Amino acid sequence: MSFDLPKATRALLIANVAVFLLQLLVHDNTSLMLSQYFALWPLGPEQTGMTPSGNVVHVGFQVWQVVTYGFLHGGFWHIALNMYGLFLFGGAIEHALGARNFLIYYFVCVIIAALAQLAVVHFFTGGFYPTIGASGGIFGVLLAFGMFFPHERLMLIFPPIELPAWMFVTGYGAIELINGVLGTQAGIAHFAHLGGMLGGFLLIQYWRGKFPIKPKRRLMR
């Protein structure tokens, strides 16, 4: 695989890593402020809490959070796995779509993932906690890879077997759905992942002219 990533994929990687470094380097109060204003908080009235240093803070949903949450991460492995997925699959999708459409696609996936997470928390699970991470966009990119390159072979880590991309993506989506319904992995926004995949699927189908409202230029893949 080439390390010469196309410009949009490279820009997303740099932006995510830069924000993560900012989270690591700034003072605790500033890091808290990043989460307070830019993580994805549930719908509803603001909640009031107190920081470990004794400061009173107000947190709640703001419309820009459906984008900004996708640039915050909760730790090294969180961002490392997301950026590894973007590195593996982002370049191929950007080459297929072009830089502009790739960015549109990525952010649509991030936003639909956020809306899915907001809906699930509001109507089903309840609770008041933030969601962060680029996973919604990454799962959308993975979905696109499975649709554009269905017969490409992908190697599982465990067990170490090769699968065609369409089977890998379908299986991964099924596992996310099962984990989301059963709630077996606390702290992971499974329905945001599925929302990213759904948003990507719908946008690709729109670009392919599969809906009554047609795009100006059809995607030929």
N, C-alpha and C. Protein backbone atom coordinates (compact mmCIF):
# COMPACT_ATOMS: atom_id res chain seq x y z
N MET A 1 0.85 -1.19 0.00
CA MET A 1 0.00 0.00 0.00
C MET A 1 0.88 1.25 0.00
N SER A 2 0.53 2.24 -0.80
CA SER A 2 1.33 3.45 -0.91
C SER A 2 1.14 4.34 0.32
N PHE A 3 2.25 4.96 0.77
CA PHE A 3 2.18 5.91 1.86
C PHE A 3 1.91 7.32 1.34
N ASP A 4 1.82 7.47 0.02
CA ASP A 4 1.54 8.76 -0.58
C ASP A 4 0.02 8.95 -0.61
N LEU A 5 -0.55 9.32 0.52
CA LEU A 5 -2.00 9.43 0.64
C LEU A 5 -2.51 10.63 -0.13
N PRO A 6 -3.69 10.54 -0.73
CA PRO A 6 -4.28 11.70 -1.40
C PRO A 6 -4.61 12.79 -0.38
N LYS A 7 -4.81 14.00 -0.89
CA LYS A 7 -4.79 15.18 -0.03
C LYS A 7 -5.91 15.23 1.01
N ALA A 8 -7.13 14.83 0.65
CA ALA A 8 -8.22 14.92 1.61
C ALA A 8 -8.04 13.92 2.75
N THR A 9 -7.66 12.70 2.41
CA THR A 9 -7.39 11.69 3.44
C THR A 9 -6.27 12.15 4.35
N ARG A 10 -5.22 12.68 3.75
CA ARG A 10 -4.08 13.18 4.54
C ARG A 10 -4.51 14.32 5.46
N ALA A 11 -5.35 15.22 4.94
CA ALA A 11 -5.81 16.35 5.75
C ALA A 11 -6.64 15.88 6.94
N LEU A 12 -7.49 14.89 6.73
CA LEU A 12 -8.29 14.35 7.84
C LEU A 12 -7.41 13.69 8.89
N LEU A 13 -6.42 12.95 8.44
CA LEU A 13 -5.48 12.33 9.38
C LEU A 13 -4.75 13.39 10.21
N ILE A 14 -4.25 14.40 9.54
CA ILE A 14 -3.51 15.46 10.24
C ILE A 14 -4.42 16.19 11.22
N ALA A 15 -5.64 16.51 10.80
CA ALA A 15 -6.56 17.24 11.67
C ALA A 15 -6.90 16.43 12.92
N ASN A 16 -7.18 15.15 12.75
CA ASN A 16 -7.51 14.31 13.90
C ASN A 16 -6.34 14.19 14.87
N VAL A 17 -5.15 13.97 14.33
CA VAL A 17 -3.97 13.83 15.19
C VAL A 17 -3.66 15.15 15.88
N ALA A 18 -3.81 16.27 15.18
CA ALA A 18 -3.53 17.58 15.77
C ALA A 18 -4.47 17.87 16.93
N VAL A 19 -5.75 17.56 16.76
CA VAL A 19 -6.71 17.79 17.85
C VAL A 19 -6.40 16.87 19.03
N PHE A 20 -6.02 15.64 18.74
CA PHE A 20 -5.69 14.72 19.83
C PHE A 20 -4.46 15.21 20.61
N LEU A 21 -3.46 15.70 19.90
CA LEU A 21 -2.29 16.25 20.58
C LEU A 21 -2.67 17.46 21.42
N LEU A 22 -3.59 18.28 20.91
CA LEU A 22 -4.08 19.41 21.69
C LEU A 22 -4.75 18.93 22.97
N GLN A 23 -5.56 17.87 22.86
CA GLN A 23 -6.19 17.30 24.05
C GLN A 23 -5.14 16.86 25.08
N LEU A 24 -4.05 16.31 24.60
CA LEU A 24 -3.01 15.81 25.51
C LEU A 24 -2.20 16.93 26.15
N LEU A 25 -1.98 18.00 25.40
CA LEU A 25 -1.02 19.00 25.82
C LEU A 25 -1.62 20.12 26.66
N VAL A 26 -2.90 20.39 26.49
CA VAL A 26 -3.48 21.55 27.17
C VAL A 26 -3.74 21.23 28.63
N HIS A 27 -3.96 22.27 29.40
CA HIS A 27 -4.30 22.15 30.82
C HIS A 27 -5.62 21.39 30.97
N ASP A 28 -5.79 20.75 32.11
CA ASP A 28 -7.00 19.95 32.34
C ASP A 28 -8.27 20.74 32.12
N ASN A 29 -8.31 22.00 32.56
CA ASN A 29 -9.51 22.81 32.39
C ASN A 29 -9.81 23.06 30.93
N THR A 30 -8.76 23.27 30.12
CA THR A 30 -8.96 23.48 28.69
C THR A 30 -9.42 22.20 28.02
N SER A 31 -8.85 21.07 28.41
CA SER A 31 -9.28 19.79 27.87
C SER A 31 -10.74 19.53 28.19
N LEU A 32 -11.13 19.87 29.42
CA LEU A 32 -12.53 19.73 29.81
C LEU A 32 -13.42 20.63 28.97
N MET A 33 -12.94 21.83 28.68
CA MET A 33 -13.71 22.76 27.86
C MET A 33 -13.92 22.21 26.46
N LEU A 34 -12.90 21.53 25.90
CA LEU A 34 -13.06 20.92 24.58
C LEU A 34 -14.20 19.92 24.59
N SER A 35 -14.25 19.08 25.62
CA SER A 35 -15.34 18.11 25.72
C SER A 35 -16.66 18.80 25.99
N GLN A 36 -16.63 19.83 26.81
CA GLN A 36 -17.86 20.54 27.17
C GLN A 36 -18.55 21.12 25.96
N TYR A 37 -17.78 21.70 25.05
CA TYR A 37 -18.37 22.41 23.92
C TYR A 37 -18.38 21.61 22.61
N PHE A 38 -17.47 20.65 22.46
CA PHE A 38 -17.29 20.04 21.15
C PHE A 38 -17.56 18.54 21.10
N ALA A 39 -17.68 17.86 22.25
CA ALA A 39 -18.18 16.49 22.24
C ALA A 39 -19.67 16.50 21.92
N LEU A 40 -20.20 15.35 21.54
CA LEU A 40 -21.63 15.23 21.22
C LEU A 40 -22.40 14.89 22.49
N TRP A 41 -23.17 15.85 22.98
CA TRP A 41 -23.98 15.64 24.17
C TRP A 41 -25.42 15.32 23.79
N PRO A 42 -26.15 14.59 24.64
CA PRO A 42 -27.53 14.20 24.29
C PRO A 42 -28.46 15.39 24.14
N LEU A 43 -29.55 15.15 23.43
CA LEU A 43 -30.58 16.16 23.27
C LEU A 43 -31.24 16.44 24.62
N GLY A 44 -31.80 17.64 24.74
CA GLY A 44 -32.49 17.98 25.98
C GLY A 44 -31.85 19.17 26.66
N PRO A 45 -32.38 19.53 27.83
CA PRO A 45 -31.86 20.70 28.55
C PRO A 45 -30.43 20.47 29.02
N GLU A 46 -29.72 21.57 29.19
CA GLU A 46 -28.36 21.49 29.70
C GLU A 46 -28.34 20.89 31.10
N GLN A 47 -27.25 20.21 31.40
CA GLN A 47 -27.03 19.66 32.73
C GLN A 47 -25.88 20.42 33.38
N THR A 48 -25.96 20.53 34.70
CA THR A 48 -24.93 21.24 35.46
C THR A 48 -24.14 20.24 36.29
N GLY A 49 -22.83 20.39 36.28
CA GLY A 49 -21.97 19.50 37.06
C GLY A 49 -20.78 20.26 37.61
N MET A 50 -19.95 19.55 38.34
CA MET A 50 -18.78 20.17 38.95
C MET A 50 -17.52 19.39 38.56
N THR A 51 -16.50 20.11 38.18
CA THR A 51 -15.23 19.49 37.81
C THR A 51 -14.46 19.08 39.06
N PRO A 52 -13.44 18.22 38.88
CA PRO A 52 -12.62 17.84 40.04
C PRO A 52 -11.98 19.04 40.75
N SER A 53 -11.76 20.13 40.01
CA SER A 53 -11.16 21.32 40.62
C SER A 53 -12.19 22.23 41.27
N GLY A 54 -13.47 21.84 41.21
CA GLY A 54 -14.51 22.61 41.88
C GLY A 54 -15.24 23.61 41.01
N ASN A 55 -14.94 23.66 39.72
CA ASN A 55 -15.62 24.59 38.83
C ASN A 55 -16.98 24.02 38.41
N VAL A 56 -17.98 24.88 38.38
CA VAL A 56 -19.31 24.49 37.91
C VAL A 56 -19.35 24.62 36.39
N VAL A 57 -19.83 23.59 35.71
CA VAL A 57 -19.90 23.62 34.25
C VAL A 57 -21.31 23.25 33.81
N HIS A 58 -21.69 23.78 32.66
CA HIS A 58 -22.97 23.46 32.04
C HIS A 58 -22.69 22.77 30.71
N VAL A 59 -23.28 21.61 30.52
CA VAL A 59 -23.06 20.87 29.28
C VAL A 59 -24.40 20.50 28.66
N GLY A 60 -24.42 20.44 27.34
CA GLY A 60 -25.63 20.08 26.63
C GLY A 60 -25.39 20.11 25.13
N PHE A 61 -26.40 19.71 24.39
CA PHE A 61 -26.27 19.60 22.94
C PHE A 61 -26.20 20.97 22.28
N GLN A 62 -25.30 21.07 21.31
CA GLN A 62 -25.21 22.22 20.41
C GLN A 62 -25.09 21.67 18.99
N VAL A 63 -25.63 22.38 18.03
CA VAL A 63 -25.76 21.83 16.69
C VAL A 63 -24.40 21.51 16.06
N TRP A 64 -23.39 22.31 16.37
CA TRP A 64 -22.08 22.06 15.74
C TRP A 64 -21.42 20.76 16.22
N GLN A 65 -21.92 20.24 17.32
CA GLN A 65 -21.32 19.03 17.88
C GLN A 65 -21.47 17.81 16.97
N VAL A 66 -22.44 17.84 16.04
CA VAL A 66 -22.62 16.69 15.15
C VAL A 66 -21.43 16.54 14.19
N VAL A 67 -20.59 17.56 14.12
CA VAL A 67 -19.34 17.49 13.33
C VAL A 67 -18.12 17.42 14.25
N THR A 68 -18.09 18.30 15.25
CA THR A 68 -16.86 18.45 16.04
C THR A 68 -16.54 17.22 16.89
N TYR A 69 -17.56 16.46 17.29
CA TYR A 69 -17.28 15.27 18.11
C TYR A 69 -16.37 14.29 17.37
N GLY A 70 -16.43 14.33 16.04
CA GLY A 70 -15.66 13.39 15.23
C GLY A 70 -14.16 13.66 15.21
N PHE A 71 -13.73 14.77 15.85
CA PHE A 71 -12.30 15.07 15.90
C PHE A 71 -11.72 14.90 17.30
N LEU A 72 -12.55 14.53 18.27
CA LEU A 72 -12.07 14.28 19.63
C LEU A 72 -11.95 12.78 19.85
N HIS A 73 -10.96 12.38 20.64
CA HIS A 73 -10.78 10.96 20.93
C HIS A 73 -10.45 10.76 22.40
N GLY A 74 -10.77 9.56 22.90
CA GLY A 74 -10.68 9.29 24.31
C GLY A 74 -9.39 8.64 24.77
N GLY A 75 -8.44 8.44 23.89
CA GLY A 75 -7.19 7.81 24.29
C GLY A 75 -6.41 7.38 23.07
N PHE A 76 -5.19 6.87 23.32
CA PHE A 76 -4.30 6.52 22.22
C PHE A 76 -4.91 5.46 21.31
N TRP A 77 -5.41 4.36 21.88
CA TRP A 77 -5.92 3.29 21.04
C TRP A 77 -7.17 3.70 20.29
N HIS A 78 -7.95 4.59 20.88
CA HIS A 78 -9.16 5.08 20.22
C HIS A 78 -8.79 5.77 18.90
N ILE A 79 -7.86 6.72 18.99
CA ILE A 79 -7.49 7.43 17.76
C ILE A 79 -6.64 6.55 16.86
N ALA A 80 -5.79 5.70 17.44
CA ALA A 80 -4.90 4.87 16.61
C ALA A 80 -5.70 3.93 15.72
N LEU A 81 -6.71 3.29 16.26
CA LEU A 81 -7.52 2.36 15.46
C LEU A 81 -8.33 3.11 14.40
N ASN A 82 -8.88 4.26 14.78
CA ASN A 82 -9.64 5.03 13.80
C ASN A 82 -8.75 5.53 12.66
N MET A 83 -7.59 6.05 12.99
CA MET A 83 -6.71 6.57 11.95
C MET A 83 -6.11 5.45 11.11
N TYR A 84 -5.92 4.29 11.70
CA TYR A 84 -5.46 3.14 10.92
C TYR A 84 -6.50 2.76 9.88
N GLY A 85 -7.78 2.77 10.28
CA GLY A 85 -8.85 2.49 9.32
C GLY A 85 -8.90 3.53 8.21
N LEU A 86 -8.73 4.80 8.58
CA LEU A 86 -8.73 5.86 7.56
C LEU A 86 -7.54 5.70 6.63
N PHE A 87 -6.39 5.35 7.19
CA PHE A 87 -5.19 5.14 6.38
C PHE A 87 -5.37 3.97 5.41
N LEU A 88 -5.96 2.87 5.88
CA LEU A 88 -6.11 1.69 5.04
C LEU A 88 -7.10 1.90 3.91
N PHE A 89 -8.22 2.54 4.19
CA PHE A 89 -9.33 2.56 3.23
C PHE A 89 -9.62 3.94 2.64
N GLY A 90 -9.19 5.00 3.33
CA GLY A 90 -9.56 6.34 2.88
C GLY A 90 -9.01 6.69 1.51
N GLY A 91 -7.75 6.34 1.25
CA GLY A 91 -7.15 6.69 -0.04
C GLY A 91 -7.87 6.06 -1.21
N ALA A 92 -8.25 4.79 -1.07
CA ALA A 92 -8.95 4.11 -2.17
C ALA A 92 -10.29 4.77 -2.45
N ILE A 93 -10.99 5.17 -1.39
CA ILE A 93 -12.30 5.80 -1.58
C ILE A 93 -12.13 7.21 -2.15
N GLU A 94 -11.11 7.93 -1.70
CA GLU A 94 -10.87 9.26 -2.26
C GLU A 94 -10.51 9.17 -3.74
N HIS A 95 -9.71 8.19 -4.13
CA HIS A 95 -9.40 8.01 -5.55
C HIS A 95 -10.66 7.69 -6.35
N ALA A 96 -11.59 6.97 -5.75
CA ALA A 96 -12.82 6.60 -6.45
C ALA A 96 -13.78 7.78 -6.59
N LEU A 97 -13.83 8.63 -5.56
CA LEU A 97 -14.82 9.71 -5.53
C LEU A 97 -14.26 11.07 -5.92
N GLY A 98 -12.96 11.26 -5.77
CA GLY A 98 -12.38 12.59 -5.87
C GLY A 98 -12.36 13.23 -4.49
N ALA A 99 -11.47 14.20 -4.29
CA ALA A 99 -11.27 14.79 -2.97
C ALA A 99 -12.53 15.46 -2.44
N ARG A 100 -13.20 16.25 -3.28
CA ARG A 100 -14.38 16.99 -2.81
C ARG A 100 -15.49 16.05 -2.38
N ASN A 101 -15.82 15.09 -3.23
CA ASN A 101 -16.90 14.17 -2.89
C ASN A 101 -16.52 13.26 -1.73
N PHE A 102 -15.24 12.95 -1.61
CA PHE A 102 -14.81 12.14 -0.48
C PHE A 102 -15.05 12.88 0.83
N LEU A 103 -14.72 14.16 0.88
CA LEU A 103 -14.96 14.93 2.09
C LEU A 103 -16.45 15.06 2.37
N ILE A 104 -17.25 15.29 1.32
CA ILE A 104 -18.70 15.32 1.51
C ILE A 104 -19.17 14.00 2.09
N TYR A 105 -18.71 12.91 1.51
CA TYR A 105 -19.11 11.58 1.96
C TYR A 105 -18.71 11.37 3.41
N TYR A 106 -17.49 11.68 3.76
CA TYR A 106 -16.99 11.46 5.11
C TYR A 106 -17.82 12.22 6.13
N PHE A 107 -18.07 13.49 5.86
CA PHE A 107 -18.80 14.30 6.85
C PHE A 107 -20.28 13.95 6.90
N VAL A 108 -20.86 13.52 5.79
CA VAL A 108 -22.23 13.00 5.86
C VAL A 108 -22.28 11.79 6.78
N CYS A 109 -21.31 10.90 6.67
CA CYS A 109 -21.27 9.72 7.55
C CYS A 109 -21.11 10.13 9.01
N VAL A 110 -20.24 11.09 9.28
CA VAL A 110 -20.04 11.58 10.64
C VAL A 110 -21.34 12.16 11.20
N ILE A 111 -22.04 12.94 10.39
CA ILE A 111 -23.27 13.59 10.85
C ILE A 111 -24.39 12.58 11.05
N ILE A 112 -24.58 11.66 10.11
CA ILE A 112 -25.63 10.66 10.27
C ILE A 112 -25.32 9.75 11.46
N ALA A 113 -24.06 9.45 11.69
CA ALA A 113 -23.67 8.69 12.87
C ALA A 113 -24.07 9.43 14.14
N ALA A 114 -23.84 10.75 14.17
CA ALA A 114 -24.23 11.55 15.33
C ALA A 114 -25.74 11.53 15.53
N LEU A 115 -26.50 11.69 14.45
CA LEU A 115 -27.96 11.69 14.56
C LEU A 115 -28.47 10.35 15.06
N ALA A 116 -27.86 9.27 14.59
CA ALA A 116 -28.25 7.94 15.06
C ALA A 116 -27.98 7.80 16.56
N GLN A 117 -26.82 8.25 17.00
CA GLN A 117 -26.48 8.17 18.41
C GLN A 117 -27.43 9.01 19.25
N LEU A 118 -27.73 10.22 18.80
CA LEU A 118 -28.66 11.08 19.52
C LEU A 118 -30.03 10.42 19.64
N ALA A 119 -30.50 9.82 18.55
CA ALA A 119 -31.82 9.19 18.57
C ALA A 119 -31.86 7.99 19.52
N VAL A 120 -30.83 7.16 19.47
CA VAL A 120 -30.80 5.97 20.33
C VAL A 120 -30.77 6.37 21.80
N VAL A 121 -29.94 7.34 22.15
CA VAL A 121 -29.86 7.78 23.55
C VAL A 121 -31.17 8.42 23.98
N HIS A 122 -31.76 9.24 23.11
CA HIS A 122 -32.98 9.98 23.47
C HIS A 122 -34.18 9.05 23.63
N PHE A 123 -34.34 8.11 22.71
CA PHE A 123 -35.56 7.30 22.69
C PHE A 123 -35.42 5.94 23.37
N PHE A 124 -34.20 5.45 23.55
CA PHE A 124 -34.05 4.08 24.03
C PHE A 124 -33.19 3.95 25.29
N THR A 125 -31.95 4.35 25.23
CA THR A 125 -31.04 4.02 26.33
C THR A 125 -31.07 5.03 27.47
N GLY A 126 -31.37 6.31 27.15
CA GLY A 126 -31.29 7.32 28.18
C GLY A 126 -29.85 7.57 28.59
N GLY A 127 -29.69 8.26 29.70
CA GLY A 127 -28.35 8.59 30.17
C GLY A 127 -27.89 9.93 29.64
N PHE A 128 -26.87 10.47 30.27
CA PHE A 128 -26.34 11.77 29.85
C PHE A 128 -24.82 11.68 29.85
N TYR A 129 -24.27 11.38 28.70
CA TYR A 129 -22.83 11.20 28.56
C TYR A 129 -22.44 11.63 27.15
N PRO A 130 -21.20 12.06 26.96
CA PRO A 130 -20.78 12.54 25.65
C PRO A 130 -20.34 11.40 24.74
N THR A 131 -20.43 11.65 23.44
CA THR A 131 -19.91 10.74 22.43
C THR A 131 -18.79 11.45 21.68
N ILE A 132 -17.67 10.77 21.49
CA ILE A 132 -16.55 11.35 20.74
C ILE A 132 -15.96 10.28 19.83
N GLY A 133 -15.23 10.74 18.81
CA GLY A 133 -14.50 9.83 17.95
C GLY A 133 -14.92 9.89 16.50
N ALA A 134 -13.97 9.53 15.64
CA ALA A 134 -14.18 9.55 14.19
C ALA A 134 -14.80 8.27 13.66
N SER A 135 -15.21 7.37 14.55
CA SER A 135 -15.63 6.04 14.12
C SER A 135 -16.79 6.06 13.13
N GLY A 136 -17.73 6.99 13.29
CA GLY A 136 -18.84 7.06 12.35
C GLY A 136 -18.36 7.29 10.93
N GLY A 137 -17.42 8.21 10.75
CA GLY A 137 -16.85 8.43 9.43
C GLY A 137 -16.05 7.25 8.94
N ILE A 138 -15.30 6.61 9.84
CA ILE A 138 -14.47 5.47 9.44
C ILE A 138 -15.34 4.29 9.02
N PHE A 139 -16.41 4.04 9.74
CA PHE A 139 -17.30 2.95 9.34
C PHE A 139 -17.97 3.25 8.01
N GLY A 140 -18.26 4.52 7.74
CA GLY A 140 -18.78 4.88 6.43
C GLY A 140 -17.78 4.62 5.32
N VAL A 141 -16.51 4.93 5.58
CA VAL A 141 -15.45 4.66 4.61
C VAL A 141 -15.31 3.16 4.38
N LEU A 142 -15.37 2.39 5.45
CA LEU A 142 -15.30 0.93 5.33
C LEU A 142 -16.46 0.40 4.50
N LEU A 143 -17.66 0.93 4.73
CA LEU A 143 -18.83 0.52 3.94
C LEU A 143 -18.61 0.81 2.47
N ALA A 144 -18.08 2.00 2.16
CA ALA A 144 -17.81 2.36 0.76
C ALA A 144 -16.81 1.40 0.13
N PHE A 145 -15.80 1.00 0.89
CA PHE A 145 -14.82 0.06 0.35
C PHE A 145 -15.49 -1.25 0.00
N GLY A 146 -16.38 -1.72 0.85
CA GLY A 146 -17.09 -2.96 0.56
C GLY A 146 -17.99 -2.86 -0.65
N MET A 147 -18.55 -1.66 -0.90
CA MET A 147 -19.43 -1.48 -2.05
C MET A 147 -18.65 -1.26 -3.34
N PHE A 148 -17.55 -0.53 -3.27
CA PHE A 148 -16.77 -0.22 -4.48
C PHE A 148 -15.82 -1.35 -4.87
N PHE A 149 -15.32 -2.05 -3.88
CA PHE A 149 -14.32 -3.11 -4.13
C PHE A 149 -14.75 -4.40 -3.43
N PRO A 150 -15.91 -4.93 -3.78
CA PRO A 150 -16.49 -6.05 -3.00
C PRO A 150 -15.64 -7.30 -2.99
N HIS A 151 -14.81 -7.49 -4.02
CA HIS A 151 -14.05 -8.74 -4.12
C HIS A 151 -12.59 -8.60 -3.70
N GLU A 152 -12.21 -7.41 -3.25
CA GLU A 152 -10.87 -7.25 -2.66
C GLU A 152 -10.77 -8.11 -1.41
N ARG A 153 -9.60 -8.69 -1.19
CA ARG A 153 -9.42 -9.59 -0.05
C ARG A 153 -8.88 -8.81 1.15
N LEU A 154 -9.54 -8.99 2.29
CA LEU A 154 -9.11 -8.35 3.53
C LEU A 154 -8.75 -9.44 4.54
N MET A 155 -7.67 -9.23 5.25
CA MET A 155 -7.19 -10.22 6.21
C MET A 155 -7.69 -9.90 7.61
N LEU A 156 -8.37 -10.85 8.22
CA LEU A 156 -8.75 -10.71 9.62
C LEU A 156 -7.51 -10.88 10.50
N ILE A 157 -7.52 -10.21 11.65
CA ILE A 157 -6.44 -10.40 12.61
C ILE A 157 -6.63 -11.71 13.37
N PHE A 158 -7.87 -11.96 13.81
CA PHE A 158 -8.15 -13.21 14.51
C PHE A 158 -9.56 -13.65 14.17
N PRO A 159 -9.71 -14.82 13.57
CA PRO A 159 -8.64 -15.71 13.10
C PRO A 159 -7.99 -15.14 11.84
N PRO A 160 -6.74 -15.48 11.56
CA PRO A 160 -6.02 -14.91 10.41
C PRO A 160 -6.45 -15.53 9.09
N ILE A 161 -7.62 -15.14 8.62
CA ILE A 161 -8.13 -15.65 7.35
C ILE A 161 -8.51 -14.47 6.46
N GLU A 162 -8.50 -14.70 5.15
CA GLU A 162 -8.89 -13.68 4.19
C GLU A 162 -10.37 -13.79 3.87
N LEU A 163 -11.01 -12.63 3.74
CA LEU A 163 -12.41 -12.58 3.34
C LEU A 163 -12.56 -11.54 2.24
N PRO A 164 -13.51 -11.73 1.31
CA PRO A 164 -13.82 -10.65 0.38
C PRO A 164 -14.37 -9.45 1.14
N ALA A 165 -14.13 -8.27 0.62
CA ALA A 165 -14.49 -7.05 1.34
C ALA A 165 -15.97 -7.00 1.67
N TRP A 166 -16.83 -7.43 0.74
CA TRP A 166 -18.27 -7.35 1.01
C TRP A 166 -18.65 -8.21 2.21
N MET A 167 -18.03 -9.36 2.35
CA MET A 167 -18.33 -10.25 3.47
C MET A 167 -17.78 -9.68 4.78
N PHE A 168 -16.58 -9.11 4.71
CA PHE A 168 -15.98 -8.49 5.88
C PHE A 168 -16.86 -7.36 6.40
N VAL A 169 -17.31 -6.50 5.49
CA VAL A 169 -18.12 -5.35 5.89
C VAL A 169 -19.48 -5.80 6.41
N THR A 170 -20.10 -6.75 5.73
CA THR A 170 -21.40 -7.25 6.19
C THR A 170 -21.29 -7.88 7.57
N GLY A 171 -20.25 -8.69 7.76
CA GLY A 171 -20.05 -9.32 9.06
C GLY A 171 -19.78 -8.32 10.16
N TYR A 172 -18.97 -7.31 9.85
CA TYR A 172 -18.65 -6.29 10.84
C TYR A 172 -19.91 -5.52 11.24
N GLY A 173 -20.73 -5.18 10.23
CA GLY A 173 -21.97 -4.49 10.52
C GLY A 173 -22.90 -5.33 11.38
N ALA A 174 -22.99 -6.62 11.10
CA ALA A 174 -23.84 -7.51 11.89
C ALA A 174 -23.36 -7.59 13.34
N ILE A 175 -22.04 -7.66 13.53
CA ILE A 175 -21.49 -7.70 14.89
C ILE A 175 -21.81 -6.41 15.63
N GLU A 176 -21.69 -5.27 14.95
CA GLU A 176 -22.02 -4.00 15.58
C GLU A 176 -23.49 -3.96 15.99
N LEU A 177 -24.37 -4.46 15.13
CA LEU A 177 -25.80 -4.47 15.45
C LEU A 177 -26.07 -5.35 16.67
N ILE A 178 -25.50 -6.53 16.68
CA ILE A 178 -25.70 -7.45 17.81
C ILE A 178 -25.18 -6.83 19.11
N ASN A 179 -23.97 -6.28 19.06
CA ASN A 179 -23.41 -5.66 20.26
C ASN A 179 -24.23 -4.47 20.72
N GLY A 180 -24.75 -3.70 19.75
CA GLY A 180 -25.57 -2.56 20.11
C GLY A 180 -26.88 -2.97 20.78
N VAL A 181 -27.53 -3.98 20.23
CA VAL A 181 -28.81 -4.44 20.78
C VAL A 181 -28.60 -5.08 22.15
N LEU A 182 -27.57 -5.89 22.28
CA LEU A 182 -27.32 -6.59 23.54
C LEU A 182 -26.63 -5.72 24.58
N GLY A 183 -26.00 -4.65 24.13
CA GLY A 183 -25.28 -3.78 25.06
C GLY A 183 -24.12 -4.46 25.73
N THR A 184 -23.40 -5.28 24.97
CA THR A 184 -22.34 -6.10 25.57
C THR A 184 -21.02 -5.35 25.74
N GLN A 185 -20.86 -4.20 25.08
CA GLN A 185 -19.60 -3.44 25.19
C GLN A 185 -19.92 -2.02 25.61
N ALA A 186 -19.91 -1.79 26.90
CA ALA A 186 -20.23 -0.46 27.42
C ALA A 186 -19.19 0.55 26.96
N GLY A 187 -19.65 1.77 26.69
CA GLY A 187 -18.74 2.83 26.30
C GLY A 187 -18.42 2.89 24.82
N ILE A 188 -19.01 2.00 24.02
CA ILE A 188 -18.81 2.00 22.57
C ILE A 188 -20.13 2.34 21.90
N ALA A 189 -20.11 3.34 21.03
CA ALA A 189 -21.34 3.82 20.38
C ALA A 189 -21.62 2.99 19.13
N HIS A 190 -22.11 1.77 19.33
CA HIS A 190 -22.33 0.87 18.20
C HIS A 190 -23.32 1.44 17.20
N PHE A 191 -24.35 2.12 17.68
CA PHE A 191 -25.35 2.63 16.74
C PHE A 191 -24.84 3.86 15.98
N ALA A 192 -23.87 4.55 16.54
CA ALA A 192 -23.20 5.59 15.76
C ALA A 192 -22.42 4.96 14.62
N HIS A 193 -21.74 3.85 14.88
CA HIS A 193 -21.03 3.13 13.82
C HIS A 193 -22.00 2.71 12.72
N LEU A 194 -23.13 2.14 13.14
CA LEU A 194 -24.13 1.71 12.15
C LEU A 194 -24.73 2.90 11.42
N GLY A 195 -24.90 4.02 12.13
CA GLY A 195 -25.40 5.23 11.48
C GLY A 195 -24.45 5.73 10.42
N GLY A 196 -23.15 5.65 10.69
CA GLY A 196 -22.17 6.03 9.67
C GLY A 196 -22.26 5.15 8.44
N MET A 197 -22.45 3.86 8.66
CA MET A 197 -22.59 2.94 7.52
C MET A 197 -23.87 3.21 6.76
N LEU A 198 -24.96 3.46 7.48
CA LEU A 198 -26.24 3.75 6.82
C LEU A 198 -26.16 5.04 6.01
N GLY A 199 -25.57 6.08 6.61
CA GLY A 199 -25.42 7.34 5.88
C GLY A 199 -24.61 7.17 4.62
N GLY A 200 -23.52 6.40 4.71
CA GLY A 200 -22.70 6.14 3.53
C GLY A 200 -23.45 5.37 2.46
N PHE A 201 -24.18 4.36 2.88
CA PHE A 201 -24.94 3.55 1.92
C PHE A 201 -25.97 4.40 1.18
N LEU A 202 -26.71 5.22 1.92
CA LEU A 202 -27.74 6.05 1.29
C LEU A 202 -27.13 7.07 0.33
N LEU A 203 -26.01 7.67 0.71
CA LEU A 203 -25.39 8.67 -0.16
C LEU A 203 -24.85 8.01 -1.43
N ILE A 204 -24.24 6.85 -1.31
CA ILE A 204 -23.75 6.15 -2.50
C ILE A 204 -24.91 5.77 -3.41
N GLN A 205 -25.99 5.29 -2.84
CA GLN A 205 -27.15 4.94 -3.66
C GLN A 205 -27.75 6.16 -4.33
N TYR A 206 -27.75 7.30 -3.64
CA TYR A 206 -28.21 8.55 -4.26
C TYR A 206 -27.30 8.92 -5.42
N TRP A 207 -26.00 8.88 -5.20
CA TRP A 207 -25.06 9.21 -6.27
C TRP A 207 -25.17 8.25 -7.44
N ARG A 208 -25.60 7.04 -7.19
CA ARG A 208 -25.80 6.06 -8.26
C ARG A 208 -27.14 6.22 -8.96
N GLY A 209 -27.95 7.17 -8.52
CA GLY A 209 -29.23 7.42 -9.16
C GLY A 209 -30.32 6.45 -8.78
N LYS A 210 -30.24 5.86 -7.58
CA LYS A 210 -31.20 4.85 -7.16
C LYS A 210 -32.46 5.42 -6.53
N PHE A 211 -32.50 6.73 -6.28
CA PHE A 211 -33.65 7.35 -5.64
C PHE A 211 -34.40 8.22 -6.65
N PRO A 212 -35.67 8.56 -6.35
CA PRO A 212 -36.44 9.41 -7.28
C PRO A 212 -35.77 10.75 -7.57
N ILE A 213 -35.14 11.34 -6.56
CA ILE A 213 -34.39 12.58 -6.77
C ILE A 213 -33.00 12.20 -7.26
N LYS A 214 -32.65 12.66 -8.44
CA LYS A 214 -31.40 12.23 -9.08
C LYS A 214 -30.29 13.27 -8.88
N PRO A 215 -29.05 12.83 -8.76
CA PRO A 215 -27.92 13.77 -8.69
C PRO A 215 -27.64 14.36 -10.07
N LYS A 216 -26.94 15.48 -10.09
CA LYS A 216 -26.58 16.09 -11.37
C LYS A 216 -25.63 15.20 -12.15
N ARG A 217 -24.73 14.54 -11.44
CA ARG A 217 -23.80 13.61 -12.08
C ARG A 217 -23.85 12.30 -11.33
N ARG A 218 -24.06 11.23 -12.05
CA ARG A 218 -24.18 9.93 -11.41
C ARG A 218 -22.81 9.31 -11.16
N LEU A 219 -22.72 8.61 -10.04
CA LEU A 219 -21.54 7.83 -9.73
C LEU A 219 -21.60 6.53 -10.51
N MET A 220 -20.57 6.25 -11.29
CA MET A 220 -20.62 5.11 -12.20
C MET A 220 -20.16 3.81 -11.55
N ARG A 221 -19.65 3.85 -10.33
CA ARG A 221 -19.21 2.62 -9.68
C ARG A 221 -20.42 1.84 -9.17
